[in-house]
Amino acid sequence: KARVAELLDLVGLLPEHADRYPHQFSGGQ
């Protein structure tokens, strides 16, 4: 869980994005 949050932060996304599905994001995200 902590590493997923770190990786999301590393690519410019928020840790809470981990609970979403791919269709809820733009192409760039």
mmCIF file of all heavy atoms, coordinates in Angstrom:
data_MODEL
# 
_entry.id   MODEL 
# 
loop_
_atom_site.group_PDB 
_atom_site.id 
_atom_site.type_symbol 
_atom_site.label_atom_id 
_atom_site.label_alt_id 
_atom_site.label_comp_id 
_atom_site.label_asym_id 
_atom_site.label_entity_id 
_atom_site.label_seq_id 
_atom_site.pdbx_PDB_ins_code 
_atom_site.Cartn_x 
_atom_site.Cartn_y 
_atom_site.Cartn_z 
_atom_site.occupancy 
_atom_site.B_iso_or_equiv 
_atom_site.pdbx_formal_charge 
_atom_site.auth_seq_id 
_atom_site.auth_comp_id 
_atom_site.auth_asym_id 
_atom_site.auth_atom_id 
_atom_site.pdbx_PDB_model_num 
ATOM 1   N N   . LYS A 1 1  ? 0.827   -1.205 0.000   1.00 0.00 ? 1  LYS A N   1 
ATOM 2   C CA  . LYS A 1 1  ? 0.000   0.000  0.000   1.00 0.00 ? 1  LYS A CA  1 
ATOM 3   C C   . LYS A 1 1  ? 0.868   1.264  0.000   1.00 0.00 ? 1  LYS A C   1 
ATOM 4   O O   . LYS A 1 1  ? 0.624   2.194  -0.776  1.00 0.00 ? 1  LYS A O   1 
ATOM 5   C CB  . LYS A 1 1  ? -0.950  0.002  1.198   1.00 0.00 ? 1  LYS A CB  1 
ATOM 6   C CG  . LYS A 1 1  ? -1.935  1.137  1.174   1.00 0.00 ? 1  LYS A CG  1 
ATOM 7   C CD  . LYS A 1 1  ? -2.949  1.029  2.300   1.00 0.00 ? 1  LYS A CD  1 
ATOM 8   C CE  . LYS A 1 1  ? -3.945  2.172  2.213   1.00 0.00 ? 1  LYS A CE  1 
ATOM 9   N NZ  . LYS A 1 1  ? -4.980  2.086  3.221   1.00 0.00 ? 1  LYS A NZ  1 
ATOM 10  N N   . ALA A 1 2  ? 1.874   1.284  0.842   1.00 0.00 ? 2  ALA A N   1 
ATOM 11  C CA  . ALA A 1 2  ? 2.762   2.452  0.909   1.00 0.00 ? 2  ALA A CA  1 
ATOM 12  C C   . ALA A 1 2  ? 3.538   2.628  -0.386  1.00 0.00 ? 2  ALA A C   1 
ATOM 13  O O   . ALA A 1 2  ? 3.717   3.759  -0.871  1.00 0.00 ? 2  ALA A O   1 
ATOM 14  C CB  . ALA A 1 2  ? 3.724   2.309  2.084   1.00 0.00 ? 2  ALA A CB  1 
ATOM 15  N N   . ARG A 1 3  ? 3.979   1.531  -0.994  1.00 0.00 ? 3  ARG A N   1 
ATOM 16  C CA  . ARG A 1 3  ? 4.749   1.629  -2.236  1.00 0.00 ? 3  ARG A CA  1 
ATOM 17  C C   . ARG A 1 3  ? 3.866   2.078  -3.397  1.00 0.00 ? 3  ARG A C   1 
ATOM 18  O O   . ARG A 1 3  ? 4.311   2.846  -4.256  1.00 0.00 ? 3  ARG A O   1 
ATOM 19  C CB  . ARG A 1 3  ? 5.438   0.296  -2.549  1.00 0.00 ? 3  ARG A CB  1 
ATOM 20  C CG  . ARG A 1 3  ? 6.328   0.337  -3.757  1.00 0.00 ? 3  ARG A CG  1 
ATOM 21  C CD  . ARG A 1 3  ? 7.506   1.279  -3.589  1.00 0.00 ? 3  ARG A CD  1 
ATOM 22  N NE  . ARG A 1 3  ? 8.344   1.216  -4.781  1.00 0.00 ? 3  ARG A NE  1 
ATOM 23  C CZ  . ARG A 1 3  ? 9.016   2.232  -5.275  1.00 0.00 ? 3  ARG A CZ  1 
ATOM 24  N NH1 . ARG A 1 3  ? 9.016   3.395  -4.669  1.00 0.00 ? 3  ARG A NH1 1 
ATOM 25  N NH2 . ARG A 1 3  ? 9.730   2.076  -6.359  1.00 0.00 ? 3  ARG A NH2 1 
ATOM 26  N N   . VAL A 1 4  ? 2.628   1.615  -3.448  1.00 0.00 ? 4  VAL A N   1 
ATOM 27  C CA  . VAL A 1 4  ? 1.698   2.092  -4.482  1.00 0.00 ? 4  VAL A CA  1 
ATOM 28  C C   . VAL A 1 4  ? 1.525   3.596  -4.343  1.00 0.00 ? 4  VAL A C   1 
ATOM 29  O O   . VAL A 1 4  ? 1.564   4.333  -5.339  1.00 0.00 ? 4  VAL A O   1 
ATOM 30  C CB  . VAL A 1 4  ? 0.334   1.359  -4.412  1.00 0.00 ? 4  VAL A CB  1 
ATOM 31  C CG1 . VAL A 1 4  ? -0.715  2.065  -5.257  1.00 0.00 ? 4  VAL A CG1 1 
ATOM 32  C CG2 . VAL A 1 4  ? 0.482   -0.086 -4.874  1.00 0.00 ? 4  VAL A CG2 1 
ATOM 33  N N   . ALA A 1 5  ? 1.357   4.075  -3.116  1.00 0.00 ? 5  ALA A N   1 
ATOM 34  C CA  . ALA A 1 5  ? 1.222   5.521  -2.879  1.00 0.00 ? 5  ALA A CA  1 
ATOM 35  C C   . ALA A 1 5  ? 2.475   6.262  -3.346  1.00 0.00 ? 5  ALA A C   1 
ATOM 36  O O   . ALA A 1 5  ? 2.380   7.321  -3.978  1.00 0.00 ? 5  ALA A O   1 
ATOM 37  C CB  . ALA A 1 5  ? 0.949   5.790  -1.403  1.00 0.00 ? 5  ALA A CB  1 
ATOM 38  N N   . GLU A 1 6  ? 3.656   5.714  -3.066  1.00 0.00 ? 6  GLU A N   1 
ATOM 39  C CA  . GLU A 1 6  ? 4.915   6.325  -3.498  1.00 0.00 ? 6  GLU A CA  1 
ATOM 40  C C   . GLU A 1 6  ? 5.007   6.394  -5.012  1.00 0.00 ? 6  GLU A C   1 
ATOM 41  O O   . GLU A 1 6  ? 5.415   7.413  -5.576  1.00 0.00 ? 6  GLU A O   1 
ATOM 42  C CB  . GLU A 1 6  ? 6.111   5.531  -2.968  1.00 0.00 ? 6  GLU A CB  1 
ATOM 43  C CG  . GLU A 1 6  ? 6.338   5.610  -1.488  1.00 0.00 ? 6  GLU A CG  1 
ATOM 44  C CD  . GLU A 1 6  ? 7.402   4.616  -1.018  1.00 0.00 ? 6  GLU A CD  1 
ATOM 45  O OE1 . GLU A 1 6  ? 8.124   4.022  -1.855  1.00 0.00 ? 6  GLU A OE1 1 
ATOM 46  O OE2 . GLU A 1 6  ? 7.505   4.431  0.199   1.00 0.00 ? 6  GLU A OE2 1 
ATOM 47  N N   . LEU A 1 7  ? 4.649   5.304  -5.677  1.00 0.00 ? 7  LEU A N   1 
ATOM 48  C CA  . LEU A 1 7  ? 4.720   5.264  -7.136  1.00 0.00 ? 7  LEU A CA  1 
ATOM 49  C C   . LEU A 1 7  ? 3.726   6.240  -7.767  1.00 0.00 ? 7  LEU A C   1 
ATOM 50  O O   . LEU A 1 7  ? 4.058   6.915  -8.753  1.00 0.00 ? 7  LEU A O   1 
ATOM 51  C CB  . LEU A 1 7  ? 4.492   3.841  -7.645  1.00 0.00 ? 7  LEU A CB  1 
ATOM 52  C CG  . LEU A 1 7  ? 5.638   2.864  -7.353  1.00 0.00 ? 7  LEU A CG  1 
ATOM 53  C CD1 . LEU A 1 7  ? 5.191   1.431  -7.586  1.00 0.00 ? 7  LEU A CD1 1 
ATOM 54  C CD2 . LEU A 1 7  ? 6.862   3.192  -8.192  1.00 0.00 ? 7  LEU A CD2 1 
ATOM 55  N N   . LEU A 1 8  ? 2.522   6.309  -7.212  1.00 0.00 ? 8  LEU A N   1 
ATOM 56  C CA  . LEU A 1 8  ? 1.541   7.265  -7.733  1.00 0.00 ? 8  LEU A CA  1 
ATOM 57  C C   . LEU A 1 8  ? 2.059   8.694  -7.568  1.00 0.00 ? 8  LEU A C   1 
ATOM 58  O O   . LEU A 1 8  ? 1.952   9.507  -8.491  1.00 0.00 ? 8  LEU A O   1 
ATOM 59  C CB  . LEU A 1 8  ? 0.193   7.085  -7.035  1.00 0.00 ? 8  LEU A CB  1 
ATOM 60  C CG  . LEU A 1 8  ? -0.595  5.849  -7.457  1.00 0.00 ? 8  LEU A CG  1 
ATOM 61  C CD1 . LEU A 1 8  ? -1.802  5.650  -6.549  1.00 0.00 ? 8  LEU A CD1 1 
ATOM 62  C CD2 . LEU A 1 8  ? -1.024  5.943  -8.911  1.00 0.00 ? 8  LEU A CD2 1 
ATOM 63  N N   . ASP A 1 9  ? 2.635   8.983  -6.427  1.00 0.00 ? 9  ASP A N   1 
ATOM 64  C CA  . ASP A 1 9  ? 3.206   10.312 -6.199  1.00 0.00 ? 9  ASP A CA  1 
ATOM 65  C C   . ASP A 1 9  ? 4.349   10.584 -7.180  1.00 0.00 ? 9  ASP A C   1 
ATOM 66  O O   . ASP A 1 9  ? 4.452   11.677 -7.727  1.00 0.00 ? 9  ASP A O   1 
ATOM 67  C CB  . ASP A 1 9  ? 3.698   10.425 -4.754  1.00 0.00 ? 9  ASP A CB  1 
ATOM 68  C CG  . ASP A 1 9  ? 4.230   11.801 -4.432  1.00 0.00 ? 9  ASP A CG  1 
ATOM 69  O OD1 . ASP A 1 9  ? 3.471   12.784 -4.580  1.00 0.00 ? 9  ASP A OD1 1 
ATOM 70  O OD2 . ASP A 1 9  ? 5.407   11.910 -4.037  1.00 0.00 ? 9  ASP A OD2 1 
ATOM 71  N N   . LEU A 1 10 ? 5.162   9.597  -7.417  1.00 0.00 ? 10 LEU A N   1 
ATOM 72  C CA  . LEU A 1 10 ? 6.303   9.728  -8.325  1.00 0.00 ? 10 LEU A CA  1 
ATOM 73  C C   . LEU A 1 10 ? 5.874   10.121 -9.739  1.00 0.00 ? 10 LEU A C   1 
ATOM 74  O O   . LEU A 1 10 ? 6.570   10.882 -10.414 1.00 0.00 ? 10 LEU A O   1 
ATOM 75  C CB  . LEU A 1 10 ? 7.086   8.413  -8.354  1.00 0.00 ? 10 LEU A CB  1 
ATOM 76  C CG  . LEU A 1 10 ? 8.386   8.390  -9.138  1.00 0.00 ? 10 LEU A CG  1 
ATOM 77  C CD1 . LEU A 1 10 ? 9.421   9.324  -8.495  1.00 0.00 ? 10 LEU A CD1 1 
ATOM 78  C CD2 . LEU A 1 10 ? 8.932   6.979  -9.199  1.00 0.00 ? 10 LEU A CD2 1 
ATOM 79  N N   . VAL A 1 11 ? 4.717   9.617  -10.174 1.00 0.00 ? 11 VAL A N   1 
ATOM 80  C CA  . VAL A 1 11 ? 4.238   9.931  -11.530 1.00 0.00 ? 11 VAL A CA  1 
ATOM 81  C C   . VAL A 1 11 ? 3.234   11.083 -11.543 1.00 0.00 ? 11 VAL A C   1 
ATOM 82  O O   . VAL A 1 11 ? 2.597   11.348 -12.560 1.00 0.00 ? 11 VAL A O   1 
ATOM 83  C CB  . VAL A 1 11 ? 3.649   8.684  -12.234 1.00 0.00 ? 11 VAL A CB  1 
ATOM 84  C CG1 . VAL A 1 11 ? 4.713   7.607  -12.402 1.00 0.00 ? 11 VAL A CG1 1 
ATOM 85  C CG2 . VAL A 1 11 ? 2.429   8.139  -11.503 1.00 0.00 ? 11 VAL A CG2 1 
ATOM 86  N N   . GLY A 1 12 ? 3.074   11.766 -10.415 1.00 0.00 ? 12 GLY A N   1 
ATOM 87  C CA  . GLY A 1 12 ? 2.233   12.952 -10.378 1.00 0.00 ? 12 GLY A CA  1 
ATOM 88  C C   . GLY A 1 12 ? 0.760   12.707 -10.124 1.00 0.00 ? 12 GLY A C   1 
ATOM 89  O O   . GLY A 1 12 ? -0.074  13.556 -10.445 1.00 0.00 ? 12 GLY A O   1 
ATOM 90  N N   . LEU A 1 13 ? 0.437   11.566 -9.529  1.00 0.00 ? 13 LEU A N   1 
ATOM 91  C CA  . LEU A 1 13 ? -0.949  11.273 -9.159  1.00 0.00 ? 13 LEU A CA  1 
ATOM 92  C C   . LEU A 1 13 ? -1.054  11.207 -7.639  1.00 0.00 ? 13 LEU A C   1 
ATOM 93  O O   . LEU A 1 13 ? -0.050  11.174 -6.935  1.00 0.00 ? 13 LEU A O   1 
ATOM 94  C CB  . LEU A 1 13 ? -1.405  9.957  -9.793  1.00 0.00 ? 13 LEU A CB  1 
ATOM 95  C CG  . LEU A 1 13 ? -1.461  9.953  -11.325 1.00 0.00 ? 13 LEU A CG  1 
ATOM 96  C CD1 . LEU A 1 13 ? -1.747  8.552  -11.848 1.00 0.00 ? 13 LEU A CD1 1 
ATOM 97  C CD2 . LEU A 1 13 ? -2.500  10.930 -11.840 1.00 0.00 ? 13 LEU A CD2 1 
ATOM 98  N N   . LEU A 1 14 ? -2.268  11.190 -7.145  1.00 0.00 ? 14 LEU A N   1 
ATOM 99  C CA  . LEU A 1 14 ? -2.501  11.187 -5.704  1.00 0.00 ? 14 LEU A CA  1 
ATOM 100 C C   . LEU A 1 14 ? -2.657  9.757  -5.170  1.00 0.00 ? 14 LEU A C   1 
ATOM 101 O O   . LEU A 1 14 ? -3.192  8.890  -5.870  1.00 0.00 ? 14 LEU A O   1 
ATOM 102 C CB  . LEU A 1 14 ? -3.763  11.985 -5.376  1.00 0.00 ? 14 LEU A CB  1 
ATOM 103 C CG  . LEU A 1 14 ? -3.737  13.455 -5.804  1.00 0.00 ? 14 LEU A CG  1 
ATOM 104 C CD1 . LEU A 1 14 ? -5.108  14.084 -5.586  1.00 0.00 ? 14 LEU A CD1 1 
ATOM 105 C CD2 . LEU A 1 14 ? -2.665  14.211 -5.056  1.00 0.00 ? 14 LEU A CD2 1 
ATOM 106 N N   . PRO A 1 15 ? -2.229  9.505  -3.940  1.00 0.00 ? 15 PRO A N   1 
ATOM 107 C CA  . PRO A 1 15 ? -2.375  8.161  -3.359  1.00 0.00 ? 15 PRO A CA  1 
ATOM 108 C C   . PRO A 1 15 ? -3.820  7.662  -3.366  1.00 0.00 ? 15 PRO A C   1 
ATOM 109 O O   . PRO A 1 15 ? -4.067  6.469  -3.557  1.00 0.00 ? 15 PRO A O   1 
ATOM 110 C CB  . PRO A 1 15 ? -1.856  8.327  -1.933  1.00 0.00 ? 15 PRO A CB  1 
ATOM 111 C CG  . PRO A 1 15 ? -0.915  9.465  -2.010  1.00 0.00 ? 15 PRO A CG  1 
ATOM 112 C CD  . PRO A 1 15 ? -1.497  10.403 -3.048  1.00 0.00 ? 15 PRO A CD  1 
ATOM 113 N N   . GLU A 1 16 ? -4.791  8.559  -3.180  1.00 0.00 ? 16 GLU A N   1 
ATOM 114 C CA  . GLU A 1 16 ? -6.194  8.122  -3.174  1.00 0.00 ? 16 GLU A CA  1 
ATOM 115 C C   . GLU A 1 16 ? -6.681  7.653  -4.545  1.00 0.00 ? 16 GLU A C   1 
ATOM 116 O O   . GLU A 1 16 ? -7.733  7.026  -4.656  1.00 0.00 ? 16 GLU A O   1 
ATOM 117 C CB  . GLU A 1 16 ? -7.117  9.206  -2.608  1.00 0.00 ? 16 GLU A CB  1 
ATOM 118 C CG  . GLU A 1 16 ? -6.991  10.556 -3.236  1.00 0.00 ? 16 GLU A CG  1 
ATOM 119 C CD  . GLU A 1 16 ? -6.032  11.492 -2.492  1.00 0.00 ? 16 GLU A CD  1 
ATOM 120 O OE1 . GLU A 1 16 ? -5.141  11.025 -1.767  1.00 0.00 ? 16 GLU A OE1 1 
ATOM 121 O OE2 . GLU A 1 16 ? -6.180  12.698 -2.657  1.00 0.00 ? 16 GLU A OE2 1 
ATOM 122 N N   . HIS A 1 17 ? -5.917  7.915  -5.600  1.00 0.00 ? 17 HIS A N   1 
ATOM 123 C CA  . HIS A 1 17 ? -6.270  7.417  -6.928  1.00 0.00 ? 17 HIS A CA  1 
ATOM 124 C C   . HIS A 1 17 ? -6.167  5.892  -7.010  1.00 0.00 ? 17 HIS A C   1 
ATOM 125 O O   . HIS A 1 17 ? -6.703  5.284  -7.930  1.00 0.00 ? 17 HIS A O   1 
ATOM 126 C CB  . HIS A 1 17 ? -5.385  8.053  -7.998  1.00 0.00 ? 17 HIS A CB  1 
ATOM 127 C CG  . HIS A 1 17 ? -5.701  9.490  -8.246  1.00 0.00 ? 17 HIS A CG  1 
ATOM 128 N ND1 . HIS A 1 17 ? -4.773  10.378 -8.713  1.00 0.00 ? 17 HIS A ND1 1 
ATOM 129 C CD2 . HIS A 1 17 ? -6.847  10.203 -8.089  1.00 0.00 ? 17 HIS A CD2 1 
ATOM 130 C CE1 . HIS A 1 17 ? -5.318  11.573 -8.840  1.00 0.00 ? 17 HIS A CE1 1 
ATOM 131 N NE2 . HIS A 1 17 ? -6.583  11.489 -8.466  1.00 0.00 ? 17 HIS A NE2 1 
ATOM 132 N N   . ALA A 1 18 ? -5.495  5.274  -6.048  1.00 0.00 ? 18 ALA A N   1 
ATOM 133 C CA  . ALA A 1 18 ? -5.333  3.819  -6.048  1.00 0.00 ? 18 ALA A CA  1 
ATOM 134 C C   . ALA A 1 18 ? -6.663  3.084  -5.975  1.00 0.00 ? 18 ALA A C   1 
ATOM 135 O O   . ALA A 1 18 ? -6.767  1.940  -6.416  1.00 0.00 ? 18 ALA A O   1 
ATOM 136 C CB  . ALA A 1 18 ? -4.439  3.399  -4.879  1.00 0.00 ? 18 ALA A CB  1 
ATOM 137 N N   . ASP A 1 19 ? -7.701  3.733  -5.448  1.00 0.00 ? 19 ASP A N   1 
ATOM 138 C CA  . ASP A 1 19 ? -9.007  3.085  -5.302  1.00 0.00 ? 19 ASP A CA  1 
ATOM 139 C C   . ASP A 1 19 ? -9.912  3.244  -6.528  1.00 0.00 ? 19 ASP A C   1 
ATOM 140 O O   . ASP A 1 19 ? -11.029 2.747  -6.529  1.00 0.00 ? 19 ASP A O   1 
ATOM 141 C CB  . ASP A 1 19 ? -9.734  3.639  -4.073  1.00 0.00 ? 19 ASP A CB  1 
ATOM 142 C CG  . ASP A 1 19 ? -9.040  3.262  -2.783  1.00 0.00 ? 19 ASP A CG  1 
ATOM 143 O OD1 . ASP A 1 19 ? -8.481  2.150  -2.711  1.00 0.00 ? 19 ASP A OD1 1 
ATOM 144 O OD2 . ASP A 1 19 ? -9.037  4.085  -1.850  1.00 0.00 ? 19 ASP A OD2 1 
ATOM 145 N N   . ARG A 1 20 ? -9.432  3.906  -7.547  1.00 0.00 ? 20 ARG A N   1 
ATOM 146 C CA  . ARG A 1 20 ? -10.244 4.149  -8.749  1.00 0.00 ? 20 ARG A CA  1 
ATOM 147 C C   . ARG A 1 20 ? -9.955  3.122  -9.833  1.00 0.00 ? 20 ARG A C   1 
ATOM 148 O O   . ARG A 1 20 ? -8.986  2.377  -9.778  1.00 0.00 ? 20 ARG A O   1 
ATOM 149 C CB  . ARG A 1 20 ? -9.968  5.545  -9.301  1.00 0.00 ? 20 ARG A CB  1 
ATOM 150 C CG  . ARG A 1 20 ? -10.389 6.656  -8.366  1.00 0.00 ? 20 ARG A CG  1 
ATOM 151 C CD  . ARG A 1 20 ? -10.213 7.981  -9.057  1.00 0.00 ? 20 ARG A CD  1 
ATOM 152 N NE  . ARG A 1 20 ? -10.474 9.101  -8.162  1.00 0.00 ? 20 ARG A NE  1 
ATOM 153 C CZ  . ARG A 1 20 ? -10.324 10.359 -8.518  1.00 0.00 ? 20 ARG A CZ  1 
ATOM 154 N NH1 . ARG A 1 20 ? -9.900  10.673 -9.729  1.00 0.00 ? 20 ARG A NH1 1 
ATOM 155 N NH2 . ARG A 1 20 ? -10.587 11.320 -7.656  1.00 0.00 ? 20 ARG A NH2 1 
ATOM 156 N N   . TYR A 1 21 ? -10.816 3.147  -10.864 1.00 0.00 ? 21 TYR A N   1 
ATOM 157 C CA  . TYR A 1 21 ? -10.670 2.278  -12.032 1.00 0.00 ? 21 TYR A CA  1 
ATOM 158 C C   . TYR A 1 21 ? -10.061 3.076  -13.184 1.00 0.00 ? 21 TYR A C   1 
ATOM 159 O O   . TYR A 1 21 ? -10.198 4.306  -13.234 1.00 0.00 ? 21 TYR A O   1 
ATOM 160 C CB  . TYR A 1 21 ? -12.033 1.731  -12.454 1.00 0.00 ? 21 TYR A CB  1 
ATOM 161 C CG  . TYR A 1 21 ? -12.606 0.754  -11.462 1.00 0.00 ? 21 TYR A CG  1 
ATOM 162 C CD1 . TYR A 1 21 ? -13.497 1.182  -10.474 1.00 0.00 ? 21 TYR A CD1 1 
ATOM 163 C CD2 . TYR A 1 21 ? -12.263 -0.592 -11.499 1.00 0.00 ? 21 TYR A CD2 1 
ATOM 164 C CE1 . TYR A 1 21 ? -14.029 0.297  -9.551  1.00 0.00 ? 21 TYR A CE1 1 
ATOM 165 C CE2 . TYR A 1 21 ? -12.788 -1.493 -10.580 1.00 0.00 ? 21 TYR A CE2 1 
ATOM 166 C CZ  . TYR A 1 21 ? -13.670 -1.039 -9.614  1.00 0.00 ? 21 TYR A CZ  1 
ATOM 167 O OH  . TYR A 1 21 ? -14.190 -1.913 -8.701  1.00 0.00 ? 21 TYR A OH  1 
ATOM 168 N N   . PRO A 1 22 ? -9.412  2.398  -14.141 1.00 0.00 ? 22 PRO A N   1 
ATOM 169 C CA  . PRO A 1 22 ? -8.764  3.105  -15.255 1.00 0.00 ? 22 PRO A CA  1 
ATOM 170 C C   . PRO A 1 22 ? -9.688  4.053  -16.030 1.00 0.00 ? 22 PRO A C   1 
ATOM 171 O O   . PRO A 1 22 ? -9.254  5.126  -16.450 1.00 0.00 ? 22 PRO A O   1 
ATOM 172 C CB  . PRO A 1 22 ? -8.269  1.977  -16.161 1.00 0.00 ? 22 PRO A CB  1 
ATOM 173 C CG  . PRO A 1 22 ? -8.104  0.814  -15.266 1.00 0.00 ? 22 PRO A CG  1 
ATOM 174 C CD  . PRO A 1 22 ? -9.172  0.957  -14.204 1.00 0.00 ? 22 PRO A CD  1 
ATOM 175 N N   . HIS A 1 23 ? -10.951 3.685  -16.207 1.00 0.00 ? 23 HIS A N   1 
ATOM 176 C CA  . HIS A 1 23 ? -11.838 4.531  -17.004 1.00 0.00 ? 23 HIS A CA  1 
ATOM 177 C C   . HIS A 1 23 ? -12.130 5.883  -16.344 1.00 0.00 ? 23 HIS A C   1 
ATOM 178 O O   . HIS A 1 23 ? -12.649 6.781  -16.983 1.00 0.00 ? 23 HIS A O   1 
ATOM 179 C CB  . HIS A 1 23 ? -13.159 3.802  -17.315 1.00 0.00 ? 23 HIS A CB  1 
ATOM 180 C CG  . HIS A 1 23 ? -14.087 3.700  -16.137 1.00 0.00 ? 23 HIS A CG  1 
ATOM 181 N ND1 . HIS A 1 23 ? -14.008 2.656  -15.235 1.00 0.00 ? 23 HIS A ND1 1 
ATOM 182 C CD2 . HIS A 1 23 ? -15.084 4.513  -15.716 1.00 0.00 ? 23 HIS A CD2 1 
ATOM 183 C CE1 . HIS A 1 23 ? -14.941 2.846  -14.305 1.00 0.00 ? 23 HIS A CE1 1 
ATOM 184 N NE2 . HIS A 1 23 ? -15.605 3.962  -14.569 1.00 0.00 ? 23 HIS A NE2 1 
ATOM 185 N N   . GLN A 1 24 ? -11.761 6.030  -15.091 1.00 0.00 ? 24 GLN A N   1 
ATOM 186 C CA  . GLN A 1 24 ? -12.013 7.268  -14.364 1.00 0.00 ? 24 GLN A CA  1 
ATOM 187 C C   . GLN A 1 24 ? -10.881 8.289  -14.548 1.00 0.00 ? 24 GLN A C   1 
ATOM 188 O O   . GLN A 1 24 ? -10.903 9.336  -13.924 1.00 0.00 ? 24 GLN A O   1 
ATOM 189 C CB  . GLN A 1 24 ? -12.213 6.968  -12.874 1.00 0.00 ? 24 GLN A CB  1 
ATOM 190 C CG  . GLN A 1 24 ? -13.453 6.128  -12.602 1.00 0.00 ? 24 GLN A CG  1 
ATOM 191 C CD  . GLN A 1 24 ? -13.587 5.756  -11.143 1.00 0.00 ? 24 GLN A CD  1 
ATOM 192 O OE1 . GLN A 1 24 ? -12.818 4.955  -10.626 1.00 0.00 ? 24 GLN A OE1 1 
ATOM 193 N NE2 . GLN A 1 24 ? -14.562 6.351  -10.490 1.00 0.00 ? 24 GLN A NE2 1 
ATOM 194 N N   . PHE A 1 25 ? -9.939  7.983  -15.413 1.00 0.00 ? 25 PHE A N   1 
ATOM 195 C CA  . PHE A 1 25 ? -8.792  8.854  -15.647 1.00 0.00 ? 25 PHE A CA  1 
ATOM 196 C C   . PHE A 1 25 ? -8.717  9.291  -17.101 1.00 0.00 ? 25 PHE A C   1 
ATOM 197 O O   . PHE A 1 25 ? -9.206  8.601  -17.988 1.00 0.00 ? 25 PHE A O   1 
ATOM 198 C CB  . PHE A 1 25 ? -7.490  8.116  -15.283 1.00 0.00 ? 25 PHE A CB  1 
ATOM 199 C CG  . PHE A 1 25 ? -7.377  7.778  -13.833 1.00 0.00 ? 25 PHE A CG  1 
ATOM 200 C CD1 . PHE A 1 25 ? -7.823  6.558  -13.349 1.00 0.00 ? 25 PHE A CD1 1 
ATOM 201 C CD2 . PHE A 1 25 ? -6.835  8.680  -12.933 1.00 0.00 ? 25 PHE A CD2 1 
ATOM 202 C CE1 . PHE A 1 25 ? -7.717  6.233  -12.012 1.00 0.00 ? 25 PHE A CE1 1 
ATOM 203 C CE2 . PHE A 1 25 ? -6.735  8.370  -11.586 1.00 0.00 ? 25 PHE A CE2 1 
ATOM 204 C CZ  . PHE A 1 25 ? -7.174  7.146  -11.118 1.00 0.00 ? 25 PHE A CZ  1 
ATOM 205 N N   . SER A 1 26 ? -8.044  10.404 -17.321 1.00 0.00 ? 26 SER A N   1 
ATOM 206 C CA  . SER A 1 26 ? -7.776  10.870 -18.687 1.00 0.00 ? 26 SER A CA  1 
ATOM 207 C C   . SER A 1 26 ? -6.709  9.968  -19.302 1.00 0.00 ? 26 SER A C   1 
ATOM 208 O O   . SER A 1 26 ? -6.070  9.170  -18.602 1.00 0.00 ? 26 SER A O   1 
ATOM 209 C CB  . SER A 1 26 ? -7.282  12.311 -18.664 1.00 0.00 ? 26 SER A CB  1 
ATOM 210 O OG  . SER A 1 26 ? -5.971  12.375 -18.110 1.00 0.00 ? 26 SER A OG  1 
ATOM 211 N N   . GLY A 1 27 ? -6.487  10.106 -20.584 1.00 0.00 ? 27 GLY A N   1 
ATOM 212 C CA  . GLY A 1 27 ? -5.470  9.309  -21.259 1.00 0.00 ? 27 GLY A CA  1 
ATOM 213 C C   . GLY A 1 27 ? -4.080  9.522  -20.679 1.00 0.00 ? 27 GLY A C   1 
ATOM 214 O O   . GLY A 1 27 ? -3.316  8.581  -20.487 1.00 0.00 ? 27 GLY A O   1 
ATOM 215 N N   . GLY A 1 28 ? -3.750  10.781 -20.384 1.00 0.00 ? 28 GLY A N   1 
ATOM 216 C CA  . GLY A 1 28 ? -2.444  11.076 -19.806 1.00 0.00 ? 28 GLY A CA  1 
ATOM 217 C C   . GLY A 1 28 ? -2.276  10.489 -18.421 1.00 0.00 ? 28 GLY A C   1 
ATOM 218 O O   . GLY A 1 28 ? -1.200  9.998  -18.064 1.00 0.00 ? 28 GLY A O   1 
ATOM 219 N N   . GLN A 1 29 ? -3.338  10.525 -17.635 1.00 0.00 ? 29 GLN A N   1 
ATOM 220 C CA  . GLN A 1 29 ? -3.279  9.933  -16.303 1.00 0.00 ? 29 GLN A CA  1 
ATOM 221 C C   . GLN A 1 29 ? -3.145  8.416  -16.381 1.00 0.00 ? 29 GLN A C   1 
ATOM 222 O O   . GLN A 1 29 ? -2.417  7.803  -15.600 1.00 0.00 ? 29 GLN A O   1 
ATOM 223 C CB  . GLN A 1 29 ? -4.524  10.307 -15.499 1.00 0.00 ? 29 GLN A CB  1 
ATOM 224 C CG  . GLN A 1 29 ? -4.562  11.764 -15.093 1.00 0.00 ? 29 GLN A CG  1 
ATOM 225 C CD  . GLN A 1 29 ? -5.895  12.141 -14.489 1.00 0.00 ? 29 GLN A CD  1 
ATOM 226 O OE1 . GLN A 1 29 ? -6.960  11.766 -14.996 1.00 0.00 ? 29 GLN A OE1 1 
ATOM 227 N NE2 . GLN A 1 29 ? -5.845  12.890 -13.396 1.00 0.00 ? 29 GLN A NE2 1 
# 
